[in-house]
Amino acid sequence: MDGVGPAAYSKNHGGVYGKYMFDKKTFAGEFNYDRNTNHYYGYNSEDSILDKDPDRTTIQYVWVKAESGIKSLEA
């Protein structure tokens, strides 16, 4: 459609996980990143009153997780 704003979106995710095991201990870690962007649509993109950047909403999440534990050798 001509003359209206974009209706594009994006979903991005990245993550890393690692685990290291010793004889009696375990360490684990995790890092994740999510980013979601939605563009508004249905407005006149040629309108000079509108600011061109806030035609989208971006939500970002970053989280880090760490764990440790002790292995029990007794059954």
N, C-alpha and C. Protein backbone atom coordinates (compact mmCIF):
# COMPACT_ATOMS: atom_id res chain seq x y z
N MET A 1 0.85 -1.18 0.00
CA MET A 1 0.00 0.00 0.00
C MET A 1 0.89 1.24 0.00
N ASP A 2 0.52 2.18 -0.79
CA ASP A 2 1.28 3.42 -0.86
C ASP A 2 0.73 4.43 0.14
N GLY A 3 1.64 5.22 0.72
CA GLY A 3 1.24 6.32 1.58
C GLY A 3 0.93 5.95 3.01
N VAL A 4 1.14 4.70 3.40
CA VAL A 4 0.92 4.33 4.81
C VAL A 4 2.21 3.79 5.38
N GLY A 5 2.32 3.81 6.71
CA GLY A 5 3.55 3.37 7.37
C GLY A 5 3.77 1.87 7.27
N PRO A 6 4.97 1.40 7.56
CA PRO A 6 5.29 -0.02 7.44
C PRO A 6 4.61 -0.84 8.52
N ALA A 7 4.31 -2.08 8.20
CA ALA A 7 3.72 -3.01 9.17
C ALA A 7 4.72 -4.10 9.52
N ALA A 8 5.98 -3.79 9.48
CA ALA A 8 7.03 -4.78 9.72
C ALA A 8 7.17 -5.07 11.22
N TYR A 9 7.76 -6.20 11.53
CA TYR A 9 8.06 -6.55 12.91
C TYR A 9 9.33 -7.40 12.92
N SER A 10 9.93 -7.54 14.09
CA SER A 10 11.09 -8.43 14.21
C SER A 10 11.09 -9.06 15.59
N LYS A 11 11.51 -10.31 15.64
CA LYS A 11 11.69 -11.05 16.90
C LYS A 11 13.09 -11.62 16.87
N ASN A 12 13.91 -11.23 17.84
CA ASN A 12 15.29 -11.69 17.90
C ASN A 12 15.55 -12.34 19.24
N HIS A 13 16.27 -13.46 19.23
CA HIS A 13 16.64 -14.15 20.46
C HIS A 13 18.06 -14.68 20.32
N GLY A 14 18.82 -14.53 21.37
CA GLY A 14 20.15 -15.11 21.42
C GLY A 14 20.41 -15.62 22.83
N GLY A 15 21.12 -16.72 22.93
CA GLY A 15 21.39 -17.27 24.25
C GLY A 15 22.63 -18.13 24.26
N VAL A 16 23.24 -18.19 25.43
CA VAL A 16 24.43 -19.01 25.64
C VAL A 16 24.23 -19.77 26.95
N TYR A 17 24.57 -21.06 26.95
CA TYR A 17 24.48 -21.88 28.15
C TYR A 17 25.78 -22.66 28.30
N GLY A 18 26.25 -22.78 29.51
CA GLY A 18 27.46 -23.55 29.76
C GLY A 18 27.39 -24.27 31.09
N LYS A 19 28.04 -25.42 31.14
CA LYS A 19 28.05 -26.20 32.37
C LYS A 19 29.45 -26.81 32.53
N TYR A 20 30.00 -26.70 33.74
CA TYR A 20 31.32 -27.25 34.02
C TYR A 20 31.19 -28.16 35.23
N MET A 21 31.67 -29.39 35.12
CA MET A 21 31.53 -30.37 36.20
C MET A 21 32.91 -30.74 36.75
N PHE A 22 33.02 -30.64 38.05
CA PHE A 22 34.21 -31.11 38.78
C PHE A 22 33.88 -32.47 39.39
N ASP A 23 34.78 -33.00 40.21
CA ASP A 23 34.52 -34.29 40.85
C ASP A 23 33.31 -34.23 41.79
N LYS A 24 33.21 -33.15 42.55
CA LYS A 24 32.13 -33.06 43.53
C LYS A 24 31.25 -31.83 43.37
N LYS A 25 31.55 -30.97 42.42
CA LYS A 25 30.79 -29.73 42.25
C LYS A 25 30.40 -29.53 40.80
N THR A 26 29.34 -28.77 40.60
CA THR A 26 28.86 -28.44 39.26
C THR A 26 28.56 -26.95 39.22
N PHE A 27 29.01 -26.29 38.17
CA PHE A 27 28.70 -24.88 37.94
C PHE A 27 28.02 -24.76 36.58
N ALA A 28 26.96 -23.97 36.53
CA ALA A 28 26.24 -23.76 35.27
C ALA A 28 25.90 -22.28 35.15
N GLY A 29 25.86 -21.80 33.93
CA GLY A 29 25.51 -20.40 33.70
C GLY A 29 24.75 -20.24 32.40
N GLU A 30 23.97 -19.19 32.33
CA GLU A 30 23.13 -18.95 31.15
C GLU A 30 22.98 -17.45 30.94
N PHE A 31 23.01 -17.02 29.71
CA PHE A 31 22.78 -15.62 29.33
C PHE A 31 21.82 -15.61 28.16
N ASN A 32 20.75 -14.81 28.24
CA ASN A 32 19.75 -14.74 27.17
C ASN A 32 19.42 -13.29 26.84
N TYR A 33 19.03 -13.08 25.61
CA TYR A 33 18.64 -11.75 25.12
C TYR A 33 17.46 -11.91 24.16
N ASP A 34 16.40 -11.17 24.39
CA ASP A 34 15.23 -11.14 23.51
C ASP A 34 14.94 -9.70 23.12
N ARG A 35 14.58 -9.50 21.86
CA ARG A 35 14.22 -8.17 21.37
C ARG A 35 13.04 -8.32 20.42
N ASN A 36 11.95 -7.62 20.71
CA ASN A 36 10.77 -7.64 19.86
C ASN A 36 10.44 -6.22 19.43
N THR A 37 10.25 -6.01 18.14
CA THR A 37 9.91 -4.69 17.61
C THR A 37 8.63 -4.80 16.78
N ASN A 38 7.68 -3.93 17.05
CA ASN A 38 6.45 -3.84 16.28
C ASN A 38 6.33 -2.44 15.71
N HIS A 39 6.00 -2.35 14.43
CA HIS A 39 5.78 -1.06 13.79
C HIS A 39 4.28 -0.81 13.70
N TYR A 40 3.89 0.40 13.98
CA TYR A 40 2.49 0.78 13.82
C TYR A 40 2.18 0.90 12.34
N TYR A 41 0.95 0.74 11.96
CA TYR A 41 0.57 0.82 10.56
C TYR A 41 -0.78 1.50 10.42
N GLY A 42 -1.12 1.88 9.20
CA GLY A 42 -2.42 2.48 8.93
C GLY A 42 -2.46 3.98 9.06
N TYR A 43 -1.34 4.64 9.28
CA TYR A 43 -1.30 6.09 9.35
C TYR A 43 -0.69 6.63 8.06
N ASN A 44 -0.91 7.88 7.81
CA ASN A 44 -0.37 8.52 6.61
C ASN A 44 1.11 8.80 6.83
N SER A 45 1.98 8.08 6.12
CA SER A 45 3.42 8.23 6.32
C SER A 45 3.97 9.51 5.72
N GLU A 46 3.17 10.21 4.91
CA GLU A 46 3.62 11.46 4.31
C GLU A 46 3.25 12.67 5.15
N ASP A 47 2.62 12.44 6.29
CA ASP A 47 2.23 13.52 7.19
C ASP A 47 3.48 14.10 7.84
N SER A 48 3.73 15.39 7.65
CA SER A 48 4.95 16.01 8.16
C SER A 48 4.89 16.29 9.66
N ILE A 49 3.74 16.17 10.28
CA ILE A 49 3.61 16.42 11.71
C ILE A 49 4.17 15.25 12.52
N LEU A 50 4.08 14.05 12.00
CA LEU A 50 4.52 12.86 12.72
C LEU A 50 6.04 12.79 12.82
N ASP A 51 6.50 12.44 14.00
CA ASP A 51 7.92 12.14 14.18
C ASP A 51 8.17 10.77 13.59
N LYS A 52 9.17 10.60 12.77
CA LYS A 52 9.36 9.36 12.02
C LYS A 52 9.87 8.20 12.88
N ASP A 53 10.50 8.45 14.02
CA ASP A 53 11.06 7.36 14.81
C ASP A 53 10.07 6.64 15.71
N PRO A 54 9.12 7.32 16.39
CA PRO A 54 8.26 6.59 17.31
C PRO A 54 7.12 5.82 16.64
N ASP A 55 7.31 5.43 15.36
CA ASP A 55 6.29 4.61 14.70
C ASP A 55 6.50 3.13 15.02
N ARG A 56 7.30 2.85 16.06
CA ARG A 56 7.53 1.48 16.44
C ARG A 56 7.69 1.38 17.96
N THR A 57 7.51 0.19 18.46
CA THR A 57 7.71 -0.10 19.87
C THR A 57 8.74 -1.22 19.97
N THR A 58 9.78 -1.02 20.76
CA THR A 58 10.81 -2.03 20.93
C THR A 58 10.86 -2.45 22.40
N ILE A 59 10.79 -3.75 22.64
CA ILE A 59 10.88 -4.31 23.98
C ILE A 59 12.11 -5.21 24.02
N GLN A 60 12.96 -5.00 25.00
CA GLN A 60 14.19 -5.79 25.12
C GLN A 60 14.25 -6.43 26.51
N TYR A 61 14.65 -7.69 26.54
CA TYR A 61 14.84 -8.42 27.79
C TYR A 61 16.25 -9.01 27.80
N VAL A 62 16.94 -8.86 28.92
CA VAL A 62 18.24 -9.48 29.12
C VAL A 62 18.19 -10.17 30.47
N TRP A 63 18.59 -11.45 30.51
CA TRP A 63 18.64 -12.11 31.80
C TRP A 63 19.85 -13.03 31.88
N VAL A 64 20.37 -13.13 33.12
CA VAL A 64 21.55 -13.94 33.41
C VAL A 64 21.16 -14.89 34.54
N LYS A 65 21.60 -16.13 34.42
CA LYS A 65 21.28 -17.14 35.42
C LYS A 65 22.56 -17.90 35.76
N ALA A 66 22.81 -18.13 37.04
CA ALA A 66 23.98 -18.89 37.48
C ALA A 66 23.53 -19.92 38.51
N GLU A 67 24.11 -21.11 38.42
CA GLU A 67 23.78 -22.18 39.36
C GLU A 67 25.06 -22.88 39.80
N SER A 68 25.03 -23.41 41.01
CA SER A 68 26.12 -24.26 41.49
C SER A 68 25.50 -25.36 42.34
N GLY A 69 26.22 -26.45 42.42
CA GLY A 69 25.69 -27.57 43.20
C GLY A 69 26.81 -28.50 43.65
N ILE A 70 26.47 -29.36 44.60
CA ILE A 70 27.42 -30.35 45.10
C ILE A 70 26.84 -31.73 44.82
N LYS A 71 27.64 -32.58 44.20
CA LYS A 71 27.18 -33.93 43.90
C LYS A 71 27.32 -34.80 45.15
N SER A 72 26.33 -35.61 45.37
CA SER A 72 26.38 -36.55 46.48
C SER A 72 26.89 -37.89 45.95
N LEU A 73 27.92 -38.43 46.57
CA LEU A 73 28.49 -39.69 46.15
C LEU A 73 27.84 -40.87 46.86
N GLU A 74 26.97 -40.59 47.81
CA GLU A 74 26.28 -41.65 48.54
C GLU A 74 25.01 -42.02 47.81
N ALA A 75 24.71 -43.31 47.78
CA ALA A 75 23.50 -43.78 47.10
C ALA A 75 22.36 -43.92 48.05
